[in-house]
Amino acid sequence: MLETTQPRTVRLWLAGLLLLATAMAAGAADRVTWKRLNAVMLKIDNKPVKVWALYHAEKDKKEHRLLLQLGTRYLMIDTQLRLITEYARVAFDKKGETYEMERDAKGIQALASEDWILRDVGTSYLIHAKLKEEGRALEIQLPKMPDFRNVLW
């Protein structure tokens, strides 16, 4: 009787461990990690900004979403949808140099925008949009890595 009880206990323990590992992996997948971008230029109304930071989703394969921190404001910029959404500070957890947020977090409001320009300007990518209600023009220049694959030596 003791021999039949032990394998059942071990199987139940392993099943519980597997369930816990699956739940932890699913919880990690439901969060987005935002990593800070360096060497980025930001202008608002053609003037440099003093307190700001720009982040991109670390494992975002599409790379069309950016998180712009302007002082205490957090703006999600989606270049594919051409949409700017404002988020509350409580939606983000600061982890050292990165931020984490729930994948399904809801923004406070979508900001009306117009005059979008998305262009490759040689050494960088230009993102330009105008916030209608505020009358402000955002301009972001993201540096791109040079492509040396077709260089003839």
N, C-alpha and C. Protein backbone atom coordinates (compact mmCIF):
# COMPACT_ATOMS: atom_id res chain seq x y z
N MET A 1 0.82 -1.19 0.00
CA MET A 1 0.00 0.00 0.00
C MET A 1 0.86 1.24 0.00
N LEU A 2 1.95 1.23 0.68
CA LEU A 2 2.85 2.36 0.74
C LEU A 2 3.45 2.65 -0.63
N GLU A 3 3.74 1.63 -1.39
CA GLU A 3 4.34 1.81 -2.71
C GLU A 3 3.39 2.50 -3.69
N THR A 4 2.10 2.23 -3.63
CA THR A 4 1.15 2.86 -4.55
C THR A 4 0.84 4.28 -4.16
N THR A 5 1.00 4.62 -2.89
CA THR A 5 0.70 5.98 -2.42
C THR A 5 1.81 6.95 -2.83
N GLN A 6 3.06 6.53 -2.76
CA GLN A 6 4.16 7.42 -3.07
C GLN A 6 4.14 7.89 -4.51
N PRO A 7 3.98 7.03 -5.52
CA PRO A 7 3.95 7.53 -6.89
C PRO A 7 2.79 8.51 -7.12
N ARG A 8 1.65 8.26 -6.51
CA ARG A 8 0.51 9.16 -6.66
C ARG A 8 0.83 10.52 -6.04
N THR A 9 1.45 10.53 -4.87
CA THR A 9 1.84 11.78 -4.21
C THR A 9 2.86 12.54 -5.05
N VAL A 10 3.82 11.81 -5.59
CA VAL A 10 4.84 12.44 -6.43
C VAL A 10 4.20 13.02 -7.68
N ARG A 11 3.26 12.28 -8.29
CA ARG A 11 2.58 12.80 -9.49
C ARG A 11 1.77 14.03 -9.17
N LEU A 12 1.07 14.04 -8.05
CA LEU A 12 0.29 15.22 -7.66
C LEU A 12 1.20 16.41 -7.39
N TRP A 13 2.32 16.14 -6.73
CA TRP A 13 3.26 17.22 -6.44
C TRP A 13 3.85 17.79 -7.73
N LEU A 14 4.22 16.92 -8.68
CA LEU A 14 4.75 17.38 -9.97
C LEU A 14 3.70 18.13 -10.77
N ALA A 15 2.45 17.67 -10.73
CA ALA A 15 1.38 18.36 -11.44
C ALA A 15 1.17 19.76 -10.86
N GLY A 16 1.22 19.85 -9.53
CA GLY A 16 1.09 21.17 -8.88
C GLY A 16 2.24 22.10 -9.25
N LEU A 17 3.44 21.56 -9.29
CA LEU A 17 4.62 22.33 -9.67
C LEU A 17 4.53 22.81 -11.11
N LEU A 18 4.05 21.94 -12.00
CA LEU A 18 3.87 22.29 -13.40
C LEU A 18 2.82 23.39 -13.55
N LEU A 19 1.74 23.28 -12.79
CA LEU A 19 0.68 24.30 -12.83
C LEU A 19 1.21 25.65 -12.35
N LEU A 20 2.00 25.64 -11.29
CA LEU A 20 2.59 26.87 -10.76
C LEU A 20 3.53 27.49 -11.77
N ALA A 21 4.37 26.70 -12.41
CA ALA A 21 5.31 27.21 -13.42
C ALA A 21 4.57 27.80 -14.61
N THR A 22 3.49 27.15 -15.02
CA THR A 22 2.69 27.66 -16.14
C THR A 22 2.05 28.98 -15.78
N ALA A 23 1.53 29.10 -14.56
CA ALA A 23 0.90 30.35 -14.12
C ALA A 23 1.92 31.48 -14.05
N MET A 24 3.15 31.17 -13.59
CA MET A 24 4.18 32.20 -13.52
C MET A 24 4.60 32.64 -14.91
N ALA A 25 4.72 31.72 -15.84
CA ALA A 25 5.10 32.07 -17.21
C ALA A 25 4.01 32.89 -17.87
N ALA A 26 2.76 32.57 -17.63
CA ALA A 26 1.65 33.33 -18.20
C ALA A 26 1.61 34.73 -17.61
N GLY A 27 1.92 34.86 -16.31
CA GLY A 27 1.94 36.18 -15.67
C GLY A 27 3.05 37.05 -16.24
N ALA A 28 4.20 36.47 -16.53
CA ALA A 28 5.31 37.23 -17.10
C ALA A 28 5.00 37.65 -18.53
N ALA A 29 4.26 36.83 -19.26
CA ALA A 29 3.94 37.14 -20.64
C ALA A 29 2.89 38.25 -20.74
N ASP A 30 2.15 38.48 -19.66
CA ASP A 30 1.11 39.51 -19.67
C ASP A 30 1.66 40.89 -19.33
N ARG A 31 2.95 41.02 -19.20
CA ARG A 31 3.57 42.31 -18.89
C ARG A 31 4.49 42.73 -20.03
N VAL A 32 4.56 44.03 -20.23
CA VAL A 32 5.42 44.60 -21.26
C VAL A 32 6.55 45.34 -20.55
N THR A 33 7.78 45.10 -20.97
CA THR A 33 8.94 45.79 -20.41
C THR A 33 9.37 46.87 -21.38
N TRP A 34 9.48 48.09 -20.88
CA TRP A 34 9.88 49.24 -21.69
C TRP A 34 11.31 49.59 -21.36
N LYS A 35 12.17 49.58 -22.38
CA LYS A 35 13.60 49.85 -22.22
C LYS A 35 13.91 51.24 -22.81
N ARG A 36 14.73 51.98 -22.11
CA ARG A 36 15.05 53.35 -22.52
C ARG A 36 15.91 53.36 -23.79
N LEU A 37 15.59 54.29 -24.68
CA LEU A 37 16.36 54.51 -25.90
C LEU A 37 17.33 55.67 -25.66
N ASN A 38 18.54 55.53 -26.17
CA ASN A 38 19.55 56.58 -26.02
C ASN A 38 19.79 57.25 -27.37
N ALA A 39 20.42 58.38 -27.36
CA ALA A 39 20.80 59.13 -28.56
C ALA A 39 19.58 59.50 -29.40
N VAL A 40 18.49 59.80 -28.75
CA VAL A 40 17.25 60.21 -29.41
C VAL A 40 17.10 61.71 -29.27
N MET A 41 16.56 62.33 -30.29
CA MET A 41 16.29 63.78 -30.24
C MET A 41 14.80 64.00 -30.16
N LEU A 42 14.38 64.90 -29.27
CA LEU A 42 12.97 65.25 -29.13
C LEU A 42 12.83 66.76 -29.16
N LYS A 43 11.88 67.22 -29.94
CA LYS A 43 11.55 68.64 -29.99
C LYS A 43 10.03 68.79 -29.88
N ILE A 44 9.62 69.78 -29.15
CA ILE A 44 8.21 70.16 -29.09
C ILE A 44 8.13 71.60 -29.56
N ASP A 45 7.36 71.82 -30.62
CA ASP A 45 7.26 73.14 -31.26
C ASP A 45 8.64 73.66 -31.66
N ASN A 46 9.47 72.78 -32.21
CA ASN A 46 10.83 73.08 -32.67
C ASN A 46 11.75 73.60 -31.58
N LYS A 47 11.48 73.24 -30.33
CA LYS A 47 12.33 73.61 -29.21
C LYS A 47 12.70 72.34 -28.44
N PRO A 48 13.95 72.24 -27.97
CA PRO A 48 14.33 71.06 -27.20
C PRO A 48 13.59 71.00 -25.86
N VAL A 49 13.39 69.80 -25.36
CA VAL A 49 12.67 69.58 -24.11
C VAL A 49 13.68 69.24 -23.03
N LYS A 50 13.43 69.72 -21.79
CA LYS A 50 14.39 69.51 -20.71
C LYS A 50 14.24 68.17 -20.02
N VAL A 51 13.05 67.81 -19.58
CA VAL A 51 12.84 66.59 -18.81
C VAL A 51 11.98 65.63 -19.62
N TRP A 52 12.64 64.58 -20.15
CA TRP A 52 11.92 63.61 -20.97
C TRP A 52 12.75 62.34 -21.10
N ALA A 53 12.09 61.28 -21.52
CA ALA A 53 12.76 60.01 -21.81
C ALA A 53 11.88 59.25 -22.80
N LEU A 54 12.50 58.46 -23.66
CA LEU A 54 11.78 57.68 -24.65
C LEU A 54 12.13 56.21 -24.46
N TYR A 55 11.11 55.36 -24.48
CA TYR A 55 11.26 53.93 -24.25
C TYR A 55 10.62 53.16 -25.40
N HIS A 56 11.11 51.93 -25.63
CA HIS A 56 10.48 51.03 -26.60
C HIS A 56 10.23 49.70 -25.91
N ALA A 57 9.22 48.98 -26.40
CA ALA A 57 8.90 47.68 -25.82
C ALA A 57 10.04 46.72 -26.14
N GLU A 58 10.57 46.09 -25.12
CA GLU A 58 11.79 45.29 -25.27
C GLU A 58 11.61 44.10 -26.22
N LYS A 59 10.48 43.41 -26.17
CA LYS A 59 10.28 42.24 -27.01
C LYS A 59 9.15 42.48 -28.02
N ASP A 60 9.00 43.71 -28.47
CA ASP A 60 7.96 44.04 -29.44
C ASP A 60 8.53 43.81 -30.83
N LYS A 61 8.06 42.79 -31.52
CA LYS A 61 8.59 42.45 -32.83
C LYS A 61 8.22 43.49 -33.88
N LYS A 62 7.10 44.16 -33.70
CA LYS A 62 6.65 45.12 -34.69
C LYS A 62 7.36 46.46 -34.55
N GLU A 63 7.82 46.77 -33.35
CA GLU A 63 8.57 48.00 -33.07
C GLU A 63 7.88 49.25 -33.60
N HIS A 64 6.60 49.35 -33.36
CA HIS A 64 5.89 50.54 -33.79
C HIS A 64 5.30 51.31 -32.61
N ARG A 65 5.57 50.85 -31.38
CA ARG A 65 5.07 51.54 -30.20
C ARG A 65 6.23 52.13 -29.41
N LEU A 66 6.06 53.36 -28.99
CA LEU A 66 7.04 54.06 -28.17
C LEU A 66 6.34 54.64 -26.95
N LEU A 67 7.06 54.72 -25.85
CA LEU A 67 6.54 55.34 -24.64
C LEU A 67 7.36 56.60 -24.38
N LEU A 68 6.68 57.74 -24.39
CA LEU A 68 7.34 59.03 -24.18
C LEU A 68 6.97 59.55 -22.81
N GLN A 69 7.99 59.78 -21.99
CA GLN A 69 7.78 60.35 -20.66
C GLN A 69 8.16 61.82 -20.73
N LEU A 70 7.18 62.67 -20.55
CA LEU A 70 7.39 64.12 -20.53
C LEU A 70 7.11 64.62 -19.12
N GLY A 71 8.13 64.78 -18.32
CA GLY A 71 7.91 65.17 -16.93
C GLY A 71 7.11 64.10 -16.22
N THR A 72 5.87 64.40 -15.86
CA THR A 72 5.00 63.44 -15.17
C THR A 72 3.97 62.82 -16.10
N ARG A 73 4.00 63.16 -17.37
CA ARG A 73 3.06 62.59 -18.36
C ARG A 73 3.69 61.40 -19.06
N TYR A 74 2.85 60.42 -19.38
CA TYR A 74 3.29 59.23 -20.11
C TYR A 74 2.42 59.09 -21.36
N LEU A 75 3.04 59.20 -22.52
CA LEU A 75 2.32 59.13 -23.79
C LEU A 75 2.79 57.91 -24.57
N MET A 76 1.85 57.07 -24.96
CA MET A 76 2.14 55.91 -25.81
C MET A 76 1.93 56.36 -27.25
N ILE A 77 2.96 56.24 -28.07
CA ILE A 77 2.89 56.64 -29.48
C ILE A 77 2.89 55.38 -30.32
N ASP A 78 1.81 55.15 -31.05
CA ASP A 78 1.70 54.00 -31.94
C ASP A 78 1.81 54.53 -33.36
N THR A 79 2.95 54.30 -34.01
CA THR A 79 3.17 54.85 -35.34
C THR A 79 2.39 54.10 -36.42
N GLN A 80 2.03 52.85 -36.15
CA GLN A 80 1.27 52.09 -37.14
C GLN A 80 -0.19 52.56 -37.17
N LEU A 81 -0.78 52.75 -36.01
CA LEU A 81 -2.16 53.24 -35.93
C LEU A 81 -2.25 54.76 -35.98
N ARG A 82 -1.09 55.41 -35.86
CA ARG A 82 -1.02 56.88 -35.78
C ARG A 82 -1.91 57.38 -34.66
N LEU A 83 -1.59 56.89 -33.47
CA LEU A 83 -2.40 57.15 -32.30
C LEU A 83 -1.49 57.50 -31.13
N ILE A 84 -1.88 58.51 -30.36
CA ILE A 84 -1.17 58.90 -29.15
C ILE A 84 -2.14 58.77 -27.99
N THR A 85 -1.76 57.96 -26.99
CA THR A 85 -2.62 57.71 -25.84
C THR A 85 -1.87 58.11 -24.58
N GLU A 86 -2.57 58.81 -23.69
CA GLU A 86 -1.98 59.20 -22.41
C GLU A 86 -2.30 58.14 -21.37
N TYR A 87 -1.30 57.79 -20.55
CA TYR A 87 -1.45 56.79 -19.49
C TYR A 87 -1.18 57.43 -18.14
N ALA A 88 -1.78 56.86 -17.11
CA ALA A 88 -1.53 57.31 -15.74
C ALA A 88 -0.21 56.73 -15.26
N ARG A 89 0.44 57.41 -14.36
CA ARG A 89 1.72 56.97 -13.80
C ARG A 89 1.58 55.62 -13.09
N VAL A 90 0.42 55.36 -12.50
CA VAL A 90 0.23 54.13 -11.74
C VAL A 90 0.18 52.89 -12.64
N ALA A 91 0.09 53.06 -13.94
CA ALA A 91 0.06 51.93 -14.88
C ALA A 91 1.45 51.31 -15.04
N PHE A 92 2.50 51.98 -14.56
CA PHE A 92 3.87 51.53 -14.77
C PHE A 92 4.55 51.21 -13.45
N ASP A 93 5.39 50.18 -13.46
CA ASP A 93 6.24 49.82 -12.33
C ASP A 93 7.68 50.05 -12.76
N LYS A 94 8.39 50.90 -12.04
CA LYS A 94 9.79 51.18 -12.38
C LYS A 94 10.67 50.07 -11.84
N LYS A 95 11.48 49.49 -12.73
CA LYS A 95 12.43 48.42 -12.38
C LYS A 95 13.81 48.85 -12.85
N GLY A 96 14.51 49.63 -12.03
CA GLY A 96 15.83 50.14 -12.42
C GLY A 96 15.71 51.15 -13.55
N GLU A 97 16.28 50.83 -14.71
CA GLU A 97 16.23 51.71 -15.88
C GLU A 97 15.03 51.43 -16.78
N THR A 98 14.24 50.43 -16.44
CA THR A 98 13.11 50.04 -17.30
C THR A 98 11.79 50.26 -16.57
N TYR A 99 10.72 50.23 -17.34
CA TYR A 99 9.37 50.27 -16.80
C TYR A 99 8.66 49.00 -17.22
N GLU A 100 7.75 48.53 -16.37
CA GLU A 100 6.90 47.40 -16.72
C GLU A 100 5.45 47.82 -16.58
N MET A 101 4.61 47.26 -17.46
CA MET A 101 3.18 47.55 -17.38
C MET A 101 2.41 46.31 -17.81
N GLU A 102 1.17 46.23 -17.40
CA GLU A 102 0.30 45.15 -17.84
C GLU A 102 0.02 45.33 -19.32
N ARG A 103 0.01 44.23 -20.06
CA ARG A 103 -0.21 44.29 -21.51
C ARG A 103 -1.59 44.86 -21.84
N ASP A 104 -2.57 44.60 -21.00
CA ASP A 104 -3.93 45.06 -21.27
C ASP A 104 -4.29 46.33 -20.49
N ALA A 105 -3.29 47.10 -20.04
CA ALA A 105 -3.56 48.34 -19.32
C ALA A 105 -4.27 49.34 -20.22
N LYS A 106 -5.23 50.02 -19.65
CA LYS A 106 -6.02 51.00 -20.41
C LYS A 106 -5.46 52.40 -20.17
N GLY A 107 -5.40 53.19 -21.24
CA GLY A 107 -4.94 54.55 -21.14
C GLY A 107 -6.02 55.46 -20.59
N ILE A 108 -5.62 56.64 -20.14
CA ILE A 108 -6.57 57.62 -19.63
C ILE A 108 -7.43 58.15 -20.78
N GLN A 109 -6.74 58.56 -21.84
CA GLN A 109 -7.46 59.11 -22.99
C GLN A 109 -6.58 59.05 -24.23
N ALA A 110 -7.24 58.96 -25.37
CA ALA A 110 -6.54 59.05 -26.66
C ALA A 110 -6.50 60.53 -27.03
N LEU A 111 -5.34 61.01 -27.38
CA LEU A 111 -5.18 62.41 -27.74
C LEU A 111 -5.36 62.57 -29.25
N ALA A 112 -6.19 63.51 -29.65
CA ALA A 112 -6.41 63.77 -31.07
C ALA A 112 -5.11 64.29 -31.67
N SER A 113 -4.71 63.69 -32.79
CA SER A 113 -3.48 64.09 -33.44
C SER A 113 -3.69 64.19 -34.94
N GLU A 114 -2.81 64.94 -35.60
CA GLU A 114 -2.90 65.14 -37.05
C GLU A 114 -1.51 65.43 -37.59
N ASP A 115 -1.41 65.60 -38.89
CA ASP A 115 -0.16 65.96 -39.57
C ASP A 115 0.98 64.99 -39.27
N TRP A 116 0.69 63.70 -39.34
CA TRP A 116 1.71 62.69 -39.07
C TRP A 116 2.71 62.63 -40.22
N ILE A 117 3.99 62.57 -39.86
CA ILE A 117 5.06 62.33 -40.82
C ILE A 117 5.92 61.22 -40.25
N LEU A 118 6.04 60.14 -40.99
CA LEU A 118 6.89 59.01 -40.63
C LEU A 118 7.85 58.80 -41.79
N ARG A 119 9.12 59.08 -41.58
CA ARG A 119 10.05 59.09 -42.70
C ARG A 119 11.43 58.63 -42.29
N ASP A 120 12.08 57.93 -43.20
CA ASP A 120 13.48 57.55 -43.06
C ASP A 120 14.28 58.72 -43.62
N VAL A 121 15.06 59.38 -42.76
CA VAL A 121 15.82 60.56 -43.20
C VAL A 121 17.32 60.28 -43.22
N GLY A 122 17.69 59.11 -43.67
CA GLY A 122 19.11 58.77 -43.81
C GLY A 122 19.66 58.09 -42.58
N THR A 123 20.19 58.86 -41.64
CA THR A 123 20.81 58.28 -40.45
C THR A 123 19.82 58.07 -39.31
N SER A 124 18.57 58.49 -39.49
CA SER A 124 17.58 58.34 -38.43
C SER A 124 16.17 58.23 -39.02
N TYR A 125 15.24 57.88 -38.14
CA TYR A 125 13.83 57.84 -38.50
C TYR A 125 13.16 59.06 -37.87
N LEU A 126 12.34 59.74 -38.62
CA LEU A 126 11.64 60.92 -38.15
C LEU A 126 10.19 60.58 -37.88
N ILE A 127 9.72 60.94 -36.70
CA ILE A 127 8.31 60.80 -36.32
C ILE A 127 7.84 62.19 -35.94
N HIS A 128 6.84 62.67 -36.65
CA HIS A 128 6.30 64.00 -36.39
C HIS A 128 4.78 63.89 -36.30
N ALA A 129 4.20 64.51 -35.27
CA ALA A 129 2.75 64.53 -35.11
C ALA A 129 2.37 65.80 -34.37
N LYS A 130 1.19 66.27 -34.65
CA LYS A 130 0.69 67.47 -33.98
C LYS A 130 -0.49 67.09 -33.11
N LEU A 131 -0.44 67.51 -31.83
CA LEU A 131 -1.55 67.29 -30.92
C LEU A 131 -2.58 68.39 -31.16
N LYS A 132 -3.76 68.02 -31.63
CA LYS A 132 -4.78 69.00 -32.03
C LYS A 132 -5.19 69.91 -30.88
N GLU A 133 -5.67 69.34 -29.79
CA GLU A 133 -6.24 70.14 -28.71
C GLU A 133 -5.20 71.02 -28.02
N GLU A 134 -3.97 70.54 -27.91
CA GLU A 134 -2.92 71.32 -27.25
C GLU A 134 -2.19 72.24 -28.22
N GLY A 135 -2.31 71.97 -29.52
CA GLY A 135 -1.64 72.78 -30.51
C GLY A 135 -0.12 72.62 -30.50
N ARG A 136 0.35 71.50 -30.02
CA ARG A 136 1.79 71.24 -29.92
C ARG A 136 2.23 70.26 -30.99
N ALA A 137 3.43 70.47 -31.52
CA ALA A 137 3.99 69.57 -32.53
C ALA A 137 5.13 68.78 -31.90
N LEU A 138 5.02 67.45 -31.92
CA LEU A 138 6.07 66.56 -31.42
C LEU A 138 6.94 66.12 -32.58
N GLU A 139 8.23 66.13 -32.38
CA GLU A 139 9.15 65.62 -33.39
C GLU A 139 10.21 64.77 -32.70
N ILE A 140 10.27 63.50 -33.11
CA ILE A 140 11.22 62.55 -32.54
C ILE A 140 12.12 62.05 -33.66
N GLN A 141 13.43 62.03 -33.40
CA GLN A 141 14.38 61.46 -34.34
C GLN A 141 15.08 60.29 -33.66
N LEU A 142 14.82 59.08 -34.20
CA LEU A 142 15.42 57.86 -33.68
C LEU A 142 16.61 57.48 -34.55
N PRO A 143 17.80 57.34 -33.98
CA PRO A 143 18.95 56.93 -34.80
C PRO A 143 18.77 55.48 -35.26
N LYS A 144 19.28 55.19 -36.42
CA LYS A 144 19.23 53.81 -36.90
C LYS A 144 20.66 53.32 -37.13
N MET A 145 20.80 52.03 -37.03
CA MET A 145 22.11 51.43 -37.22
C MET A 145 22.43 51.40 -38.71
N PRO A 146 23.65 51.71 -39.10
CA PRO A 146 24.01 51.65 -40.52
C PRO A 146 23.99 50.21 -41.02
N ASP A 147 23.63 50.05 -42.28
CA ASP A 147 23.57 48.73 -42.89
C ASP A 147 24.83 48.53 -43.73
N PHE A 148 25.73 47.68 -43.24
CA PHE A 148 27.00 47.44 -43.93
C PHE A 148 26.97 46.17 -44.78
N ARG A 149 25.80 45.59 -44.99
CA ARG A 149 25.73 44.33 -45.72
C ARG A 149 26.11 44.48 -47.20
N ASN A 150 25.84 45.64 -47.81
CA ASN A 150 26.10 45.80 -49.24
C ASN A 150 27.31 46.67 -49.55
N VAL A 151 28.16 46.86 -48.57
CA VAL A 151 29.36 47.68 -48.76
C VAL A 151 30.40 46.88 -49.52
N LEU A 152 30.95 47.48 -50.58
CA LEU A 152 32.01 46.83 -51.35
C LEU A 152 33.36 47.26 -50.79
N TRP A 153 34.21 46.33 -50.55
CA TRP A 153 35.54 46.65 -50.02
C TRP A 153 36.52 46.75 -51.09
